[in-house]
Amino acid sequence: MFNKRCNCDRQMWNPGFNQPMNMPQMSSPVMEPTITKCIEKDFYHQIPHVCPIHTHTINRHILTHCYTPQYTCSEECQVIDCGRPDGCCGF
């Protein structure tokens, strides 16, 4: 359809003189039917999604009992006087 070319050497019909002419006429262009081209395009779009994730933490406080001994001591002091009669040998 598009590769056809006009052969300008052929004789054209001139309706005004009813005789063939060797010279091409200047006239308005012939309107051909519209050719529709279909172009398909793909458009990708990112759609953000919110996915809530909840973390619940349980803190366990474990009480362990340890026993530390607490030592005490006591002391008693006795004074013995050997110079007394009830004490050492009576010297």
N, C-alpha and C. Protein backbone atom coordinates (compact mmCIF):
# COMPACT_ATOMS: atom_id res chain seq x y z
N MET A 1 0.82 -1.19 0.00
CA MET A 1 0.00 0.00 0.00
C MET A 1 0.87 1.26 0.00
N PHE A 2 1.92 1.29 0.89
CA PHE A 2 2.75 2.48 0.97
C PHE A 2 3.91 2.46 -0.02
N ASN A 3 4.22 1.31 -0.56
CA ASN A 3 5.36 1.22 -1.48
C ASN A 3 4.98 1.55 -2.92
N LYS A 4 3.73 1.80 -3.15
CA LYS A 4 3.31 2.16 -4.52
C LYS A 4 3.70 3.60 -4.78
N ARG A 5 4.29 3.83 -5.91
CA ARG A 5 4.69 5.19 -6.26
C ARG A 5 3.93 5.62 -7.52
N CYS A 6 3.76 6.88 -7.56
CA CYS A 6 3.05 7.44 -8.72
C CYS A 6 3.98 7.39 -9.95
N ASN A 7 3.47 6.91 -11.02
CA ASN A 7 4.24 6.89 -12.27
C ASN A 7 3.96 8.19 -13.01
N CYS A 8 4.88 9.12 -12.92
CA CYS A 8 4.66 10.44 -13.52
C CYS A 8 4.82 10.41 -15.04
N ASP A 9 5.29 9.35 -15.62
CA ASP A 9 5.44 9.27 -17.08
C ASP A 9 4.13 8.89 -17.77
N ARG A 10 3.21 8.35 -17.02
CA ARG A 10 1.94 7.97 -17.67
C ARG A 10 1.12 9.21 -17.97
N GLN A 11 0.24 9.08 -18.81
CA GLN A 11 -0.58 10.23 -19.21
C GLN A 11 -1.76 10.39 -18.28
N MET A 12 -2.03 11.59 -17.89
CA MET A 12 -3.13 11.87 -16.99
C MET A 12 -4.30 12.44 -17.78
N TRP A 13 -5.45 12.20 -17.29
CA TRP A 13 -6.66 12.67 -17.96
C TRP A 13 -6.99 14.07 -17.49
N ASN A 14 -7.19 14.97 -18.40
CA ASN A 14 -7.55 16.35 -18.09
C ASN A 14 -9.00 16.53 -18.49
N PRO A 15 -9.90 16.58 -17.48
CA PRO A 15 -11.31 16.68 -17.84
C PRO A 15 -11.67 17.98 -18.53
N GLY A 16 -10.89 19.03 -18.39
CA GLY A 16 -11.22 20.30 -19.03
C GLY A 16 -11.06 20.25 -20.53
N PHE A 17 -10.14 19.50 -21.05
CA PHE A 17 -9.89 19.49 -22.49
C PHE A 17 -10.28 18.16 -23.13
N ASN A 18 -10.66 17.19 -22.31
CA ASN A 18 -11.02 15.86 -22.81
C ASN A 18 -9.91 15.24 -23.65
N GLN A 19 -8.72 15.45 -23.23
CA GLN A 19 -7.59 14.82 -23.93
C GLN A 19 -6.49 14.51 -22.92
N PRO A 20 -5.68 13.49 -23.19
CA PRO A 20 -4.62 13.15 -22.25
C PRO A 20 -3.55 14.23 -22.21
N MET A 21 -2.93 14.39 -21.04
CA MET A 21 -1.86 15.36 -20.87
C MET A 21 -0.62 14.62 -20.41
N ASN A 22 0.54 15.08 -20.76
CA ASN A 22 1.79 14.49 -20.31
C ASN A 22 2.29 15.15 -19.03
N MET A 23 1.73 16.24 -18.63
CA MET A 23 2.18 17.00 -17.49
C MET A 23 1.26 16.72 -16.29
N PRO A 24 1.81 16.43 -15.08
CA PRO A 24 0.96 16.17 -13.92
C PRO A 24 0.23 17.44 -13.48
N GLN A 25 -0.98 17.26 -13.02
CA GLN A 25 -1.78 18.38 -12.55
C GLN A 25 -1.50 18.65 -11.08
N MET A 26 -1.62 19.87 -10.68
CA MET A 26 -1.53 20.24 -9.28
C MET A 26 -2.95 20.23 -8.73
N SER A 27 -3.21 19.36 -7.79
CA SER A 27 -4.55 19.28 -7.19
C SER A 27 -4.39 19.01 -5.70
N SER A 28 -5.49 19.02 -4.99
CA SER A 28 -5.43 18.76 -3.55
C SER A 28 -5.08 17.29 -3.33
N PRO A 29 -4.39 16.99 -2.24
CA PRO A 29 -3.97 15.60 -2.01
C PRO A 29 -5.16 14.69 -1.73
N VAL A 30 -4.98 13.46 -2.06
CA VAL A 30 -6.01 12.45 -1.81
C VAL A 30 -5.85 11.99 -0.37
N MET A 31 -6.94 11.99 0.36
CA MET A 31 -6.91 11.58 1.76
C MET A 31 -7.13 10.08 1.83
N GLU A 32 -6.14 9.38 2.35
CA GLU A 32 -6.21 7.93 2.50
C GLU A 32 -6.91 7.61 3.82
N PRO A 33 -7.42 6.36 3.96
CA PRO A 33 -8.04 5.98 5.24
C PRO A 33 -6.99 5.96 6.36
N THR A 34 -7.44 6.26 7.54
CA THR A 34 -6.56 6.31 8.70
C THR A 34 -6.09 4.91 9.08
N ILE A 35 -4.81 4.81 9.31
CA ILE A 35 -4.24 3.56 9.79
C ILE A 35 -3.99 3.74 11.28
N THR A 36 -4.58 2.86 12.06
CA THR A 36 -4.43 2.94 13.51
C THR A 36 -3.37 1.96 13.95
N LYS A 37 -2.35 2.48 14.63
CA LYS A 37 -1.30 1.64 15.20
C LYS A 37 -1.61 1.43 16.68
N CYS A 38 -1.48 0.22 17.12
CA CYS A 38 -1.74 -0.10 18.52
C CYS A 38 -0.41 -0.36 19.21
N ILE A 39 -0.14 0.41 20.23
CA ILE A 39 1.08 0.25 21.01
C ILE A 39 0.67 -0.11 22.42
N GLU A 40 1.20 -1.22 22.91
CA GLU A 40 0.89 -1.64 24.27
C GLU A 40 2.08 -1.30 25.17
N LYS A 41 1.81 -0.64 26.27
CA LYS A 41 2.85 -0.27 27.21
C LYS A 41 2.47 -0.82 28.58
N ASP A 42 3.47 -1.29 29.30
CA ASP A 42 3.26 -1.78 30.66
C ASP A 42 3.87 -0.78 31.63
N PHE A 43 3.07 -0.37 32.59
CA PHE A 43 3.54 0.54 33.63
C PHE A 43 3.45 -0.18 34.96
N TYR A 44 4.56 -0.26 35.66
CA TYR A 44 4.62 -0.91 36.95
C TYR A 44 4.62 0.15 38.04
N HIS A 45 3.78 -0.05 39.03
CA HIS A 45 3.69 0.88 40.14
C HIS A 45 3.88 0.10 41.43
N GLN A 46 4.62 0.67 42.36
CA GLN A 46 4.78 0.05 43.67
C GLN A 46 3.68 0.57 44.58
N ILE A 47 2.96 -0.36 45.15
CA ILE A 47 1.90 -0.01 46.08
C ILE A 47 2.40 -0.41 47.48
N PRO A 48 2.66 0.56 48.34
CA PRO A 48 3.16 0.20 49.67
C PRO A 48 2.05 -0.40 50.53
N HIS A 49 2.37 -1.49 51.18
CA HIS A 49 1.45 -2.13 52.11
C HIS A 49 2.09 -2.09 53.49
N VAL A 50 1.29 -1.77 54.48
CA VAL A 50 1.78 -1.74 55.85
C VAL A 50 1.37 -3.06 56.50
N CYS A 51 2.34 -3.80 56.96
CA CYS A 51 2.08 -5.07 57.63
C CYS A 51 2.51 -4.91 59.09
N PRO A 52 1.57 -4.59 59.97
CA PRO A 52 1.96 -4.36 61.36
C PRO A 52 2.43 -5.66 62.02
N ILE A 53 3.54 -5.56 62.70
CA ILE A 53 4.09 -6.68 63.45
C ILE A 53 4.32 -6.17 64.87
N HIS A 54 3.64 -6.79 65.81
CA HIS A 54 3.74 -6.36 67.20
C HIS A 54 4.54 -7.40 67.97
N THR A 55 5.52 -6.96 68.74
CA THR A 55 6.30 -7.84 69.59
C THR A 55 5.96 -7.54 71.03
N HIS A 56 5.47 -8.53 71.72
CA HIS A 56 5.15 -8.39 73.14
C HIS A 56 6.21 -9.14 73.93
N THR A 57 6.89 -8.46 74.83
CA THR A 57 7.96 -9.06 75.62
C THR A 57 7.48 -9.28 77.04
N ILE A 58 7.68 -10.48 77.54
CA ILE A 58 7.36 -10.79 78.94
C ILE A 58 8.69 -10.89 79.69
N ASN A 59 8.89 -10.01 80.63
CA ASN A 59 10.11 -10.02 81.43
C ASN A 59 9.82 -10.79 82.72
N ARG A 60 10.48 -11.89 82.92
CA ARG A 60 10.32 -12.69 84.12
C ARG A 60 11.45 -12.36 85.08
N HIS A 61 11.09 -11.97 86.29
CA HIS A 61 12.07 -11.71 87.33
C HIS A 61 12.02 -12.91 88.28
N ILE A 62 12.98 -13.77 88.17
CA ILE A 62 13.02 -14.99 88.95
C ILE A 62 13.91 -14.75 90.16
N LEU A 63 13.34 -14.92 91.33
CA LEU A 63 14.07 -14.67 92.56
C LEU A 63 14.64 -16.00 93.06
N THR A 64 15.93 -16.05 93.16
CA THR A 64 16.57 -17.22 93.75
C THR A 64 17.14 -16.80 95.10
N HIS A 65 17.00 -17.69 96.06
CA HIS A 65 17.42 -17.36 97.42
C HIS A 65 18.78 -18.00 97.69
N CYS A 66 19.67 -17.21 98.17
CA CYS A 66 20.97 -17.73 98.60
C CYS A 66 21.19 -17.25 100.03
N TYR A 67 21.72 -18.12 100.80
CA TYR A 67 21.90 -17.81 102.21
C TYR A 67 23.37 -17.61 102.51
N THR A 68 23.69 -16.50 103.12
CA THR A 68 25.05 -16.19 103.52
C THR A 68 25.09 -16.23 105.04
N PRO A 69 25.92 -17.10 105.59
CA PRO A 69 25.96 -17.15 107.05
C PRO A 69 26.57 -15.88 107.64
N GLN A 70 26.05 -15.48 108.71
CA GLN A 70 26.57 -14.31 109.41
C GLN A 70 27.05 -14.80 110.78
N TYR A 71 28.33 -14.80 110.96
CA TYR A 71 28.94 -15.35 112.18
C TYR A 71 29.08 -14.26 113.23
N THR A 72 28.83 -14.66 114.42
CA THR A 72 29.08 -13.79 115.56
C THR A 72 29.95 -14.56 116.55
N CYS A 73 30.54 -13.84 117.43
CA CYS A 73 31.32 -14.49 118.47
C CYS A 73 31.20 -13.67 119.76
N SER A 74 31.44 -14.33 120.78
CA SER A 74 31.43 -13.63 122.06
C SER A 74 32.67 -14.07 122.85
N GLU A 75 33.05 -13.26 123.83
CA GLU A 75 34.27 -13.53 124.58
C GLU A 75 34.01 -13.18 126.05
N GLU A 76 34.52 -13.96 126.84
CA GLU A 76 34.36 -13.72 128.26
C GLU A 76 35.75 -13.60 128.86
N CYS A 77 35.89 -12.69 129.76
CA CYS A 77 37.19 -12.45 130.35
C CYS A 77 37.10 -12.72 131.88
N GLN A 78 37.91 -13.57 132.33
CA GLN A 78 37.95 -13.84 133.78
C GLN A 78 39.30 -13.38 134.32
N VAL A 79 39.25 -12.66 135.38
CA VAL A 79 40.47 -12.18 136.04
C VAL A 79 40.66 -13.04 137.31
N ILE A 80 41.76 -13.67 137.38
CA ILE A 80 42.07 -14.49 138.57
C ILE A 80 43.24 -13.82 139.28
N ASP A 81 43.01 -13.43 140.48
CA ASP A 81 44.04 -12.78 141.29
C ASP A 81 44.66 -13.83 142.22
N CYS A 82 45.87 -14.09 141.92
CA CYS A 82 46.55 -15.14 142.69
C CYS A 82 46.93 -14.66 144.11
N GLY A 83 46.79 -13.43 144.41
CA GLY A 83 47.14 -12.93 145.73
C GLY A 83 46.00 -13.05 146.71
N ARG A 84 45.01 -13.50 146.37
CA ARG A 84 43.85 -13.62 147.27
C ARG A 84 43.76 -15.03 147.81
N PRO A 85 43.14 -15.16 148.92
CA PRO A 85 43.11 -16.49 149.51
C PRO A 85 42.31 -17.49 148.73
N ASP A 86 41.37 -17.04 148.06
CA ASP A 86 40.60 -18.03 147.27
C ASP A 86 41.26 -18.30 145.92
N GLY A 87 42.38 -17.56 145.65
CA GLY A 87 43.05 -17.72 144.38
C GLY A 87 44.25 -18.62 144.51
N CYS A 88 45.28 -18.29 143.81
CA CYS A 88 46.47 -19.14 143.66
C CYS A 88 47.21 -19.30 145.01
N CYS A 89 47.37 -20.36 145.47
CA CYS A 89 48.25 -20.87 146.56
C CYS A 89 48.48 -19.88 147.72
N GLY A 90 47.88 -18.78 147.81
CA GLY A 90 48.00 -17.86 148.94
C GLY A 90 49.31 -17.13 149.02
N PHE A 91 50.03 -16.94 147.96
CA PHE A 91 51.29 -16.20 148.06
C PHE A 91 51.05 -14.74 148.09
